[in-house]
């Protein structure tokens, strides 16, 4: 009997497709992340920030809470 480590069978084994719910949840999480990224980018562009100060981080956090 061949050893999996020597044949590399585990590399070529087909992977199970994630369920519909897992794919839907993953798409939702990615959508939320894109929305949060847009909010932060808009804030930085609007305020012309070169560095993030504590106040800017607090304002961004407030925006994210409002948006979410």
C-alpha atoms as a PDB file:
ATOM      1  CA  UNK A   1       0.000   0.000   0.000  1.00  0.00           C
ATOM      2  CA  UNK A   2       1.384   3.392  -0.993  1.00  0.00           C
ATOM      3  CA  UNK A   3       2.108   6.027   1.578  1.00  0.00           C
ATOM      4  CA  UNK A   4       0.230   9.333   1.215  1.00  0.00           C
ATOM      5  CA  UNK A   5       3.411  11.253   1.977  1.00  0.00           C
ATOM      6  CA  UNK A   6       5.332   9.596  -0.852  1.00  0.00           C
ATOM      7  CA  UNK A   7       2.575   9.639  -3.487  1.00  0.00           C
ATOM      8  CA  UNK A   8       1.300  13.147  -2.867  1.00  0.00           C
ATOM      9  CA  UNK A   9      -2.280  11.889  -3.032  1.00  0.00           C
ATOM     10  CA  UNK A  10      -3.443  14.406  -0.440  1.00  0.00           C
ATOM     11  CA  UNK A  11      -2.418  17.263  -2.754  1.00  0.00           C
ATOM     12  CA  UNK A  12      -4.526  16.070  -5.672  1.00  0.00           C
ATOM     13  CA  UNK A  13      -7.525  14.972  -3.609  1.00  0.00           C
ATOM     14  CA  UNK A  14     -10.658  16.932  -4.520  1.00  0.00           C
ATOM     15  CA  UNK A  15     -11.795  19.423  -1.922  1.00  0.00           C
ATOM     16  CA  UNK A  16     -15.373  19.651  -0.778  1.00  0.00           C
ATOM     17  CA  UNK A  17     -17.248  22.720  -2.043  1.00  0.00           C
ATOM     18  CA  UNK A  18     -18.361  24.980   0.829  1.00  0.00           C
ATOM     19  CA  UNK A  19     -22.071  24.946   1.551  1.00  0.00           C
ATOM     20  CA  UNK A  20     -24.394  27.655   0.302  1.00  0.00           C
ATOM     21  CA  UNK A  21     -24.654  29.133   3.803  1.00  0.00           C
ATOM     22  CA  UNK A  22     -20.865  29.317   4.181  1.00  0.00           C
ATOM     23  CA  UNK A  23     -20.515  31.022   0.794  1.00  0.00           C
ATOM     24  CA  UNK A  24     -23.336  33.455   1.631  1.00  0.00           C
ATOM     25  CA  UNK A  25     -21.798  34.293   5.013  1.00  0.00           C
ATOM     26  CA  UNK A  26     -18.367  34.775   3.444  1.00  0.00           C
ATOM     27  CA  UNK A  27     -19.838  37.126   0.812  1.00  0.00           C
ATOM     28  CA  UNK A  28     -21.610  39.116   3.539  1.00  0.00           C
ATOM     29  CA  UNK A  29     -18.433  39.477   5.612  1.00  0.00           C
ATOM     30  CA  UNK A  30     -16.437  40.558   2.545  1.00  0.00           C
ATOM     31  CA  UNK A  31     -19.140  43.087   1.643  1.00  0.00           C
ATOM     32  CA  UNK A  32     -19.026  44.566   5.142  1.00  0.00           C
ATOM     33  CA  UNK A  33     -15.239  44.816   4.945  1.00  0.00           C
ATOM     34  CA  UNK A  34     -15.398  46.639   1.603  1.00  0.00           C
ATOM     35  CA  UNK A  35     -17.975  49.055   3.025  1.00  0.00           C
ATOM     36  CA  UNK A  36     -15.791  49.758   6.075  1.00  0.00           C
ATOM     37  CA  UNK A  37     -12.769  50.312   3.812  1.00  0.00           C
ATOM     38  CA  UNK A  38     -14.769  52.830   1.753  1.00  0.00           C
ATOM     39  CA  UNK A  39     -15.855  54.726   4.893  1.00  0.00           C
ATOM     40  CA  UNK A  40     -12.265  54.984   6.119  1.00  0.00           C
ATOM     41  CA  UNK A  41     -10.942  56.001   2.688  1.00  0.00           C
ATOM     42  CA  UNK A  42     -13.621  58.680   2.373  1.00  0.00           C
ATOM     43  CA  UNK A  43     -12.848  60.070   5.828  1.00  0.00           C
ATOM     44  CA  UNK A  44      -9.114  60.227   5.127  1.00  0.00           C
ATOM     45  CA  UNK A  45      -9.683  61.841   1.710  1.00  0.00           C
ATOM     46  CA  UNK A  46     -12.140  64.371   3.116  1.00  0.00           C
ATOM     47  CA  UNK A  47      -9.911  65.396   6.015  1.00  0.00           C
ATOM     48  CA  UNK A  48      -6.602  65.190   4.136  1.00  0.00           C
ATOM     49  CA  UNK A  49      -4.855  63.206   6.833  1.00  0.00           C
ATOM     50  CA  UNK A  50      -1.169  62.383   6.581  1.00  0.00           C
ATOM     51  CA  UNK A  51      -1.084  60.531   9.914  1.00  0.00           C
ATOM     52  CA  UNK A  52      -3.820  58.954  11.956  1.00  0.00           C
ATOM     53  CA  UNK A  53      -4.194  60.697  15.297  1.00  0.00           C
ATOM     54  CA  UNK A  54      -6.142  59.351  18.249  1.00  0.00           C
ATOM     55  CA  UNK A  55      -8.955  61.769  17.449  1.00  0.00           C
ATOM     56  CA  UNK A  56      -9.093  60.625  13.816  1.00  0.00           C
ATOM     57  CA  UNK A  57      -9.254  56.993  14.931  1.00  0.00           C
ATOM     58  CA  UNK A  58     -12.127  57.816  17.292  1.00  0.00           C
ATOM     59  CA  UNK A  59     -14.005  59.621  14.527  1.00  0.00           C
ATOM     60  CA  UNK A  60     -13.501  56.713  12.134  1.00  0.00           C
ATOM     61  CA  UNK A  61     -14.735  54.291  14.800  1.00  0.00           C
ATOM     62  CA  UNK A  62     -17.862  56.397  15.270  1.00  0.00           C
ATOM     63  CA  UNK A  63     -18.458  56.431  11.521  1.00  0.00           C
ATOM     64  CA  UNK A  64     -18.107  52.663  11.326  1.00  0.00           C
ATOM     65  CA  UNK A  65     -20.564  52.176  14.160  1.00  0.00           C
ATOM     66  CA  UNK A  66     -23.074  54.465  12.434  1.00  0.00           C
ATOM     67  CA  UNK A  67     -22.581  52.722   9.082  1.00  0.00           C
ATOM     68  CA  UNK A  68     -22.908  49.251  10.529  1.00  0.00           C
END
